[in-house]
Amino acid sequence: MRILFPLPDRDFDVTEVAVPHRLLSDAGHEVVFATERGDHPPEADPLLLTGVLFGQLGADAEPKEFYRRMVGEAAYRSPLRWADLEPEDYDGLLLPGGHAPGMRQYLGSAVLREKVSRFWATGRPVGAICHGVLVLARTPDPATGRSILADRRTTCLPKYMERSAYYLTAWRRGRYYRTYPAYVQDEVTACLDDPAQFQRGPVQLTRRGTATDDRPAFVVQDGSYLSARWPGDAYLFARRFNDMLR
């Protein structure tokens, strides 16, 4: 199956892209990357490779190795252009996140939202993690004008996580962890028919799910839609998305 990964030119989350790419590729799926212009390979948030603060708060060793391998692949080095995408040509759509400033290109694109709306209408699997949920929250249903998430259960980056990371690093990184003035959770919840449709998941700030341990991870599935909170959910998120494809 062909899985579409739209990305910004820079600043996407290392783990939220590299882990699903690796697991889905290992399961036999073809991952197709796309950027706004499609004229050069995208680049992950560099601080997640080196460490946000004193070498900490970045990606773990295995996701960084997955990223190193991914950037050498032909599909990654020659992305398609958002405007040229035919959503019906794909079997799944995966929307990663990231919080650095370069993500605004992707999170705010009307061109990408139009493609996402068309894919959503197919009823095929859609996965979104962390800030990636904002793409869906901001995509209107052509029939109603409401967000396509309006009647769905979902999670996303919880406010307590976003706020904690900002308070911990603001003295050194400024608003690095605050992509927009509104918290992700607040914007996502505002687009839902009922705020109770948002599911925060268990409180977690440090432990992450791994290839062999899903206990710290949390995802929400509602029909053909799967959502997750942060990089710590990436392995479970990728496995559940693969199950949906099957």
Protein backbone atom coordinates (compact mmCIF):
# COMPACT_ATOMS: atom_id res chain seq x y z
CA MET A 1 0.00 0.00 0.00
CA ARG A 2 1.04 3.61 -0.62
CA ILE A 3 1.13 5.89 2.43
CA LEU A 4 1.38 9.65 2.01
CA PHE A 5 3.54 11.67 4.44
CA PRO A 6 3.17 15.45 3.81
CA LEU A 7 5.98 17.43 5.48
CA PRO A 8 7.17 21.04 5.83
CA ASP A 9 10.54 22.05 4.40
CA ARG A 10 12.02 22.04 7.90
CA ASP A 11 11.42 21.52 11.61
CA PHE A 12 9.24 18.40 11.66
CA ASP A 13 9.61 16.03 14.60
CA VAL A 14 12.29 13.38 14.05
CA THR A 15 10.52 10.58 15.92
CA GLU A 16 7.02 11.25 14.59
CA VAL A 17 8.25 10.82 11.02
CA ALA A 18 11.13 8.36 11.23
CA VAL A 19 9.44 5.76 13.47
CA PRO A 20 6.21 5.41 11.41
CA HIS A 21 8.28 5.48 8.22
CA ARG A 22 10.51 2.65 9.45
CA LEU A 23 7.72 0.47 10.84
CA LEU A 24 5.41 0.93 7.86
CA SER A 25 8.24 0.35 5.39
CA ASP A 26 9.28 -2.80 7.25
CA ALA A 27 5.65 -3.97 6.98
CA GLY A 28 5.90 -3.74 3.21
CA HIS A 29 4.20 -0.39 2.55
CA GLU A 30 5.50 2.31 0.21
CA VAL A 31 5.93 5.68 1.92
CA VAL A 32 5.59 8.74 -0.35
CA PHE A 33 6.84 12.11 0.90
CA ALA A 34 5.52 15.49 -0.24
CA THR A 35 6.52 19.07 0.53
CA GLU A 36 5.12 22.42 -0.56
CA ARG A 37 7.44 22.86 -3.54
CA GLY A 38 8.87 19.36 -3.88
CA ASP A 39 12.22 20.78 -4.98
CA HIS A 40 14.51 19.50 -2.20
CA PRO A 41 14.50 17.04 0.70
CA PRO A 42 12.89 18.30 3.91
CA GLU A 43 14.90 18.63 7.11
CA ALA A 44 13.90 17.67 10.63
CA ASP A 45 14.11 20.00 13.61
CA PRO A 46 17.90 20.03 14.27
CA LEU A 47 17.49 20.49 18.03
CA LEU A 48 15.75 17.13 18.23
CA LEU A 49 18.90 15.56 16.82
CA THR A 50 21.34 17.35 19.14
CA GLY A 51 19.17 18.00 22.22
CA VAL A 52 16.98 20.97 23.06
CA LEU A 53 18.59 21.73 26.41
CA PHE A 54 21.98 20.45 27.57
CA GLY A 55 21.72 17.58 25.11
CA GLN A 56 18.36 16.48 26.52
CA LEU A 57 14.70 16.60 25.33
CA GLY A 58 15.57 15.39 21.85
CA ALA A 59 14.84 12.18 19.98
CA ASP A 60 16.01 8.85 21.37
CA ALA A 61 18.87 6.94 19.77
CA GLU A 62 16.79 4.49 17.73
CA PRO A 63 14.53 7.11 16.09
CA LYS A 64 17.65 9.15 15.25
CA GLU A 65 19.13 6.10 13.55
CA PHE A 66 15.86 5.55 11.67
CA TYR A 67 16.05 9.19 10.53
CA ARG A 68 19.65 8.79 9.37
CA ARG A 69 18.61 5.86 7.21
CA MET A 70 15.44 7.57 5.95
CA VAL A 71 17.20 10.69 4.63
CA GLY A 72 19.29 8.54 2.30
CA GLU A 73 16.30 6.98 0.56
CA ALA A 74 15.32 8.08 -2.94
CA ALA A 75 11.67 8.73 -2.03
CA TYR A 76 12.74 11.10 0.74
CA ARG A 77 15.28 12.93 -1.40
CA SER A 78 12.76 13.51 -4.20
CA PRO A 79 9.47 14.51 -2.55
CA LEU A 80 6.35 15.29 -4.52
CA ARG A 81 4.69 18.72 -4.52
CA TRP A 82 1.56 19.27 -2.42
CA ALA A 83 -0.29 20.92 -5.28
CA ASP A 84 0.35 17.93 -7.55
CA LEU A 85 -1.00 15.29 -5.19
CA GLU A 86 -3.98 13.17 -6.18
CA PRO A 87 -5.25 12.01 -2.77
CA GLU A 88 -7.23 9.12 -4.22
CA ASP A 89 -3.94 7.52 -5.33
CA TYR A 90 -3.01 6.68 -1.73
CA ASP A 91 -4.17 4.05 0.73
CA GLY A 92 -3.30 5.95 3.87
CA LEU A 93 -2.46 9.49 5.03
CA LEU A 94 -0.16 10.19 7.95
CA LEU A 95 0.21 13.69 9.41
CA PRO A 96 3.25 14.05 11.69
CA GLY A 97 3.86 16.92 14.05
CA GLY A 98 6.60 19.21 15.28
CA HIS A 99 6.61 22.45 17.23
CA ALA A 100 9.47 24.58 15.87
CA PRO A 101 8.66 27.64 13.68
CA GLY A 102 9.14 25.87 10.34
CA MET A 103 6.02 23.82 11.04
CA ARG A 104 3.78 26.81 10.32
CA GLN A 105 4.30 26.30 6.58
CA TYR A 106 2.61 22.89 6.89
CA LEU A 107 0.09 23.58 9.63
CA GLY A 108 -1.24 26.71 7.91
CA SER A 109 -1.37 25.60 4.27
CA ALA A 110 -4.70 25.96 2.45
CA VAL A 111 -3.32 23.84 -0.40
CA LEU A 112 -2.56 20.97 1.95
CA ARG A 113 -5.93 21.28 3.68
CA GLU A 114 -7.69 20.87 0.32
CA LYS A 115 -5.77 17.66 -0.35
CA VAL A 116 -6.45 16.39 3.16
CA SER A 117 -10.16 17.10 2.77
CA ARG A 118 -10.27 15.04 -0.40
CA PHE A 119 -8.43 12.15 1.20
CA TRP A 120 -10.65 12.26 4.30
CA ALA A 121 -13.69 11.86 2.03
CA THR A 122 -12.35 8.51 0.79
CA GLY A 123 -12.80 6.95 4.23
CA ARG A 124 -9.32 5.45 4.09
CA PRO A 125 -7.03 5.46 7.17
CA VAL A 126 -5.82 8.85 8.42
CA GLY A 127 -3.31 9.16 11.23
CA ALA A 128 -2.24 12.36 12.99
CA ILE A 129 0.16 12.81 15.89
CA CYS A 130 0.89 15.81 18.12
CA HIS A 131 0.66 19.10 16.14
CA GLY A 132 -0.34 17.10 13.06
CA VAL A 133 -3.88 16.97 14.48
CA LEU A 134 -4.08 20.74 13.84
CA VAL A 135 -4.08 20.10 10.09
CA LEU A 136 -7.31 18.13 10.50
CA ALA A 137 -8.80 20.53 13.03
CA ARG A 138 -8.31 23.38 10.53
CA THR A 139 -9.67 21.47 7.54
CA PRO A 140 -13.36 22.30 6.87
CA ASP A 141 -15.90 19.77 5.70
CA PRO A 142 -17.10 21.07 2.28
CA ALA A 143 -20.69 20.09 3.10
CA THR A 144 -20.99 21.71 6.54
CA GLY A 145 -18.13 24.19 6.90
CA ARG A 146 -17.27 22.61 10.25
CA SER A 147 -13.95 20.93 10.92
CA ILE A 148 -13.72 17.39 9.58
CA LEU A 149 -12.91 16.41 13.18
CA ALA A 150 -16.11 17.91 14.55
CA ASP A 151 -17.81 14.58 15.31
CA ARG A 152 -14.69 12.50 16.07
CA ARG A 153 -12.96 11.40 19.24
CA THR A 154 -9.35 12.53 19.22
CA THR A 155 -6.24 13.26 21.19
CA CYS A 156 -3.36 15.62 20.36
CA LEU A 157 -0.51 17.29 22.23
CA PRO A 158 -2.02 17.88 25.70
CA LYS A 159 -1.83 21.36 27.17
CA TYR A 160 0.09 20.21 30.24
CA MET A 161 2.87 18.77 28.03
CA GLU A 162 3.14 21.85 25.81
CA ARG A 163 3.09 24.21 28.79
CA SER A 164 5.64 22.20 30.80
CA ALA A 165 8.10 22.06 27.89
CA TYR A 166 7.73 25.81 27.33
CA TYR A 167 8.25 26.75 30.98
CA LEU A 168 11.27 24.45 31.24
CA THR A 169 13.07 25.85 28.20
CA ALA A 170 11.84 29.42 27.65
CA TRP A 171 14.85 30.95 29.40
CA ARG A 172 17.11 29.40 26.72
CA ARG A 173 14.86 28.69 23.70
CA GLY A 174 12.22 31.43 23.95
CA ARG A 175 8.94 30.40 22.31
CA TYR A 176 10.44 27.33 20.65
CA TYR A 177 7.75 25.10 22.19
CA ARG A 178 4.90 27.52 21.43
CA THR A 179 4.23 27.30 17.69
CA TYR A 180 1.07 29.41 18.02
CA PRO A 181 -0.40 31.62 20.79
CA ALA A 182 -3.19 29.06 21.38
CA TYR A 183 -2.33 25.70 22.87
CA VAL A 184 -2.83 22.75 20.50
CA GLN A 185 -5.34 21.15 22.86
CA ASP A 186 -7.42 24.33 23.06
CA GLU A 187 -7.63 24.73 19.28
CA VAL A 188 -8.47 21.08 18.70
CA THR A 189 -11.10 20.99 21.44
CA ALA A 190 -12.72 24.17 20.08
CA CYS A 191 -13.42 22.48 16.74
CA LEU A 192 -15.23 19.49 18.30
CA ASP A 193 -18.99 19.20 18.71
CA ASP A 194 -18.45 18.24 22.35
CA PRO A 195 -15.26 18.96 24.34
CA ALA A 196 -15.64 15.51 25.91
CA GLN A 197 -14.58 14.03 22.54
CA PHE A 198 -11.02 15.11 23.37
CA GLN A 199 -9.14 12.38 25.25
CA ARG A 200 -6.04 13.55 27.11
CA GLY A 201 -4.71 10.14 28.08
CA PRO A 202 -2.70 9.31 31.21
CA VAL A 203 -0.37 12.04 32.49
CA GLN A 204 3.14 11.41 31.16
CA LEU A 205 6.12 13.74 30.84
CA THR A 206 9.24 11.60 30.57
CA ARG A 207 8.61 7.94 29.73
CA ARG A 208 8.18 7.07 26.07
CA GLY A 209 6.88 4.01 24.32
CA THR A 210 9.51 1.94 22.52
CA ALA A 211 9.73 -0.91 20.04
CA THR A 212 9.11 -3.36 22.89
CA ASP A 213 7.12 -1.40 25.49
CA ASP A 214 3.81 0.37 24.77
CA ARG A 215 2.87 0.95 28.40
CA PRO A 216 3.67 4.70 28.44
CA ALA A 217 1.98 5.25 25.05
CA PHE A 218 -1.57 6.33 24.24
CA VAL A 219 -3.56 6.59 20.99
CA VAL A 220 -7.23 7.12 20.12
CA GLN A 221 -8.94 5.39 17.22
CA ASP A 222 -12.33 6.51 15.93
CA GLY A 223 -13.27 4.59 12.81
CA SER A 224 -10.68 5.19 10.13
CA TYR A 225 -9.02 8.00 12.14
CA LEU A 226 -6.11 7.45 14.53
CA SER A 227 -4.52 10.12 16.72
CA ALA A 228 -1.63 10.28 19.19
CA ARG A 229 -0.20 12.86 21.57
CA TRP A 230 3.58 13.17 21.20
CA PRO A 231 6.78 11.36 20.11
CA GLY A 232 6.42 9.00 23.05
CA ASP A 233 3.40 7.45 21.30
CA ALA A 234 5.08 7.00 17.90
CA TYR A 235 5.74 3.24 18.02
CA LEU A 236 2.24 2.34 19.17
CA PHE A 237 0.80 4.88 16.72
CA ALA A 238 2.68 3.29 13.80
CA ARG A 239 1.68 -0.26 14.75
CA ARG A 240 -1.99 0.66 15.12
CA PHE A 241 -1.93 2.52 11.82
CA ASN A 242 -0.47 -0.56 10.16
CA ASP A 243 -3.28 -2.65 11.67
CA MET A 244 -5.82 -0.24 10.17
CA LEU A 245 -4.23 -0.59 6.75
CA ARG A 246 -4.52 -4.35 6.96
